[in-house]
């Protein structure tokens, strides 16, 4: 199964290029912080 290379997909392009581990860690931390803020705001902390 070969995916068509003409289909626009930025995430697949980034994954194919090979993101450095620190970029993945930073993205994970950012998502965790945003989720923590949303949960904290919902709980009224």
PDB file of N, CA and C in Angstrom:
ATOM      1  N   UNK A   1       0.851  -1.199   0.000  1.00  0.00           N
ATOM      2  CA  UNK A   1       0.000   0.000   0.000  1.00  0.00           C
ATOM      3  C   UNK A   1       0.887   1.249   0.000  1.00  0.00           C
ATOM      4  N   UNK A   2       0.829   1.997  -1.091  1.00  0.00           N
ATOM      5  CA  UNK A   2       1.646   3.205  -1.189  1.00  0.00           C
ATOM      6  C   UNK A   2       0.754   4.427  -1.122  1.00  0.00           C
ATOM      7  N   UNK A   3       1.080   5.336  -0.203  1.00  0.00           N
ATOM      8  CA  UNK A   3       0.297   6.561  -0.081  1.00  0.00           C
ATOM      9  C   UNK A   3       0.682   7.532  -1.188  1.00  0.00           C
ATOM     10  N   UNK A   4      -0.308   8.216  -1.779  1.00  0.00           N
ATOM     11  CA  UNK A   4       0.005   9.198  -2.822  1.00  0.00           C
ATOM     12  C   UNK A   4       0.792  10.365  -2.241  1.00  0.00           C
ATOM     13  N   UNK A   5       1.941  10.653  -2.829  1.00  0.00           N
ATOM     14  CA  UNK A   5       2.808  11.705  -2.299  1.00  0.00           C
ATOM     15  C   UNK A   5       2.236  13.095  -2.588  1.00  0.00           C
ATOM     16  N   UNK A   6       1.264  13.172  -3.500  1.00  0.00           N
ATOM     17  CA  UNK A   6       0.716  14.480  -3.865  1.00  0.00           C
ATOM     18  C   UNK A   6      -0.301  14.961  -2.833  1.00  0.00           C
ATOM     19  N   UNK A   7      -0.787  14.053  -1.983  1.00  0.00           N
ATOM     20  CA  UNK A   7      -1.788  14.452  -0.985  1.00  0.00           C
ATOM     21  C   UNK A   7      -1.132  15.363   0.050  1.00  0.00           C
ATOM     22  N   UNK A   8      -1.690  16.564   0.268  1.00  0.00           N
ATOM     23  CA  UNK A   8      -1.089  17.494   1.239  1.00  0.00           C
ATOM     24  C   UNK A   8      -1.292  17.005   2.666  1.00  0.00           C
ATOM     25  N   UNK A   9      -0.213  16.739   3.348  1.00  0.00           N
ATOM     26  CA  UNK A   9      -0.294  16.312   4.739  1.00  0.00           C
ATOM     27  C   UNK A   9       0.977  16.761   5.445  1.00  0.00           C
ATOM     28  N   UNK A  10       0.895  17.879   6.147  1.00  0.00           N
ATOM     29  CA  UNK A  10       2.089  18.456   6.766  1.00  0.00           C
ATOM     30  C   UNK A  10       2.636  17.535   7.855  1.00  0.00           C
ATOM     31  N   UNK A  11       1.740  16.863   8.579  1.00  0.00           N
ATOM     32  CA  UNK A  11       2.208  16.009   9.672  1.00  0.00           C
ATOM     33  C   UNK A  11       3.028  14.854   9.126  1.00  0.00           C
ATOM     34  N   UNK A  12       2.590  14.286   7.990  1.00  0.00           N
ATOM     35  CA  UNK A  12       3.358  13.182   7.420  1.00  0.00           C
ATOM     36  C   UNK A  12       4.700  13.684   6.899  1.00  0.00           C
ATOM     37  N   UNK A  13       4.710  14.905   6.354  1.00  0.00           N
ATOM     38  CA  UNK A  13       5.982  15.455   5.872  1.00  0.00           C
ATOM     39  C   UNK A  13       6.940  15.655   7.045  1.00  0.00           C
ATOM     40  N   UNK A  14       6.440  16.187   8.157  1.00  0.00           N
ATOM     41  CA  UNK A  14       7.297  16.401   9.321  1.00  0.00           C
ATOM     42  C   UNK A  14       7.794  15.069   9.860  1.00  0.00           C
ATOM     43  N   UNK A  15       6.901  14.079   9.896  1.00  0.00           N
ATOM     44  CA  UNK A  15       7.296  12.771  10.418  1.00  0.00           C
ATOM     45  C   UNK A  15       8.330  12.128   9.505  1.00  0.00           C
ATOM     46  N   UNK A  16       8.169  12.302   8.191  1.00  0.00           N
ATOM     47  CA  UNK A  16       9.113  11.685   7.255  1.00  0.00           C
ATOM     48  C   UNK A  16      10.483  12.358   7.353  1.00  0.00           C
ATOM     49  N   UNK A  17      10.479  13.668   7.621  1.00  0.00           N
ATOM     50  CA  UNK A  17      11.761  14.370   7.770  1.00  0.00           C
ATOM     51  C   UNK A  17      12.479  13.913   9.034  1.00  0.00           C
ATOM     52  N   UNK A  18      11.715  13.553  10.060  1.00  0.00           N
ATOM     53  CA  UNK A  18      12.336  13.096  11.300  1.00  0.00           C
ATOM     54  C   UNK A  18      12.495  14.248  12.277  1.00  0.00           C
ATOM     55  N   UNK A  19      11.497  14.420  13.149  1.00  0.00           N
ATOM     56  CA  UNK A  19      11.589  15.485  14.140  1.00  0.00           C
ATOM     57  C   UNK A  19      12.583  15.103  15.225  1.00  0.00           C
ATOM     58  N   UNK A  20      13.356  16.064  15.710  1.00  0.00           N
ATOM     59  CA  UNK A  20      14.258  15.787  16.834  1.00  0.00           C
ATOM     60  C   UNK A  20      13.465  15.501  18.099  1.00  0.00           C
ATOM     61  N   UNK A  21      14.053  14.730  19.001  1.00  0.00           N
ATOM     62  CA  UNK A  21      13.330  14.306  20.204  1.00  0.00           C
ATOM     63  C   UNK A  21      12.937  15.506  21.056  1.00  0.00           C
ATOM     64  N   UNK A  22      13.762  16.558  21.081  1.00  0.00           N
ATOM     65  CA  UNK A  22      13.438  17.707  21.927  1.00  0.00           C
ATOM     66  C   UNK A  22      12.191  18.417  21.418  1.00  0.00           C
ATOM     67  N   UNK A  23      11.976  18.422  20.092  1.00  0.00           N
ATOM     68  CA  UNK A  23      10.775  19.065  19.546  1.00  0.00           C
ATOM     69  C   UNK A  23       9.532  18.285  19.964  1.00  0.00           C
ATOM     70  N   UNK A  24       9.634  16.954  19.940  1.00  0.00           N
ATOM     71  CA  UNK A  24       8.503  16.119  20.351  1.00  0.00           C
ATOM     72  C   UNK A  24       8.228  16.324  21.838  1.00  0.00           C
ATOM     73  N   UNK A  25       9.296  16.405  22.639  1.00  0.00           N
ATOM     74  CA  UNK A  25       9.121  16.616  24.081  1.00  0.00           C
ATOM     75  C   UNK A  25       8.492  17.976  24.350  1.00  0.00           C
ATOM     76  N   UNK A  26       8.934  18.998  23.629  1.00  0.00           N
ATOM     77  CA  UNK A  26       8.365  20.336  23.818  1.00  0.00           C
ATOM     78  C   UNK A  26       6.885  20.347  23.452  1.00  0.00           C
ATOM     79  N   UNK A  27       6.536  19.681  22.360  1.00  0.00           N
ATOM     80  CA  UNK A  27       5.131  19.626  21.947  1.00  0.00           C
ATOM     81  C   UNK A  27       4.304  18.909  23.009  1.00  0.00           C
ATOM     82  N   UNK A  28       4.831  17.814  23.528  1.00  0.00           N
ATOM     83  CA  UNK A  28       4.118  17.066  24.574  1.00  0.00           C
ATOM     84  C   UNK A  28       3.932  17.908  25.825  1.00  0.00           C
ATOM     85  N   UNK A  29       4.978  18.636  26.207  1.00  0.00           N
ATOM     86  CA  UNK A  29       4.881  19.495  27.391  1.00  0.00           C
ATOM     87  C   UNK A  29       3.853  20.599  27.175  1.00  0.00           C
ATOM     88  N   UNK A  30       3.856  21.192  25.985  1.00  0.00           N
ATOM     89  CA  UNK A  30       2.902  22.264  25.697  1.00  0.00           C
ATOM     90  C   UNK A  30       1.469  21.747  25.788  1.00  0.00           C
ATOM     91  N   UNK A  31       1.230  20.565  25.226  1.00  0.00           N
ATOM     92  CA  UNK A  31      -0.111  19.973  25.282  1.00  0.00           C
ATOM     93  C   UNK A  31      -0.498  19.688  26.731  1.00  0.00           C
ATOM     94  N   UNK A  32       0.458  19.161  27.513  1.00  0.00           N
ATOM     95  CA  UNK A  32       0.171  18.844  28.913  1.00  0.00           C
ATOM     96  C   UNK A  32      -0.170  20.111  29.695  1.00  0.00           C
ATOM     97  N   UNK A  33       0.575  21.193  29.440  1.00  0.00           N
ATOM     98  CA  UNK A  33       0.317  22.451  30.144  1.00  0.00           C
ATOM     99  C   UNK A  33      -1.062  22.994  29.785  1.00  0.00           C
ATOM    100  N   UNK A  34      -1.401  22.946  28.499  1.00  0.00           N
ATOM    101  CA  UNK A  34      -2.710  23.451  28.063  1.00  0.00           C
ATOM    102  C   UNK A  34      -3.831  22.637  28.699  1.00  0.00           C
ATOM    103  N   UNK A  35      -3.682  21.316  28.716  1.00  0.00           N
ATOM    104  CA  UNK A  35      -4.707  20.460  29.324  1.00  0.00           C
ATOM    105  C   UNK A  35      -4.817  20.763  30.815  1.00  0.00           C
ATOM    106  N   UNK A  36      -3.665  20.937  31.487  1.00  0.00           N
ATOM    107  CA  UNK A  36      -3.685  21.241  32.920  1.00  0.00           C
ATOM    108  C   UNK A  36      -4.403  22.563  33.180  1.00  0.00           C
ATOM    109  N   UNK A  37      -4.143  23.567  32.338  1.00  0.00           N
ATOM    110  CA  UNK A  37      -4.798  24.861  32.512  1.00  0.00           C
ATOM    111  C   UNK A  37      -6.307  24.739  32.289  1.00  0.00           C
ATOM    112  N   UNK A  38      -6.704  23.982  31.267  1.00  0.00           N
ATOM    113  CA  UNK A  38      -8.131  23.814  30.990  1.00  0.00           C
ATOM    114  C   UNK A  38      -8.820  23.095  32.142  1.00  0.00           C
ATOM    115  N   UNK A  39      -8.193  22.030  32.653  1.00  0.00           N
ATOM    116  CA  UNK A  39      -8.785  21.283  33.766  1.00  0.00           C
ATOM    117  C   UNK A  39      -8.837  22.159  35.014  1.00  0.00           C
ATOM    118  N   UNK A  40      -7.761  22.893  35.273  1.00  0.00           N
ATOM    119  CA  UNK A  40      -7.739  23.773  36.440  1.00  0.00           C
ATOM    120  C   UNK A  40      -8.808  24.852  36.343  1.00  0.00           C
ATOM    121  N   UNK A  41      -8.975  25.426  35.168  1.00  0.00           N
ATOM    122  CA  UNK A  41      -9.997  26.452  34.992  1.00  0.00           C
ATOM    123  C   UNK A  41     -11.398  25.876  35.154  1.00  0.00           C
ATOM    124  N   UNK A  42     -11.598  24.649  34.679  1.00  0.00           N
ATOM    125  CA  UNK A  42     -12.913  24.019  34.785  1.00  0.00           C
ATOM    126  C   UNK A  42     -13.239  23.712  36.241  1.00  0.00           C
ATOM    127  N   UNK A  43     -12.208  23.363  37.019  1.00  0.00           N
ATOM    128  CA  UNK A  43     -12.434  23.049  38.432  1.00  0.00           C
ATOM    129  C   UNK A  43     -12.461  24.312  39.286  1.00  0.00           C
ATOM    130  N   UNK A  44     -12.129  25.445  38.690  1.00  0.00           N
ATOM    131  CA  UNK A  44     -12.160  26.709  39.412  1.00  0.00           C
ATOM    132  C   UNK A  44     -10.977  26.877  40.339  1.00  0.00           C
ATOM    133  N   UNK A  45      -9.827  26.319  39.971  1.00  0.00           N
ATOM    134  CA  UNK A  45      -8.636  26.450  40.828  1.00  0.00           C
ATOM    135  C   UNK A  45      -7.937  27.780  40.554  1.00  0.00           C
TER     136      UNK A  45
END
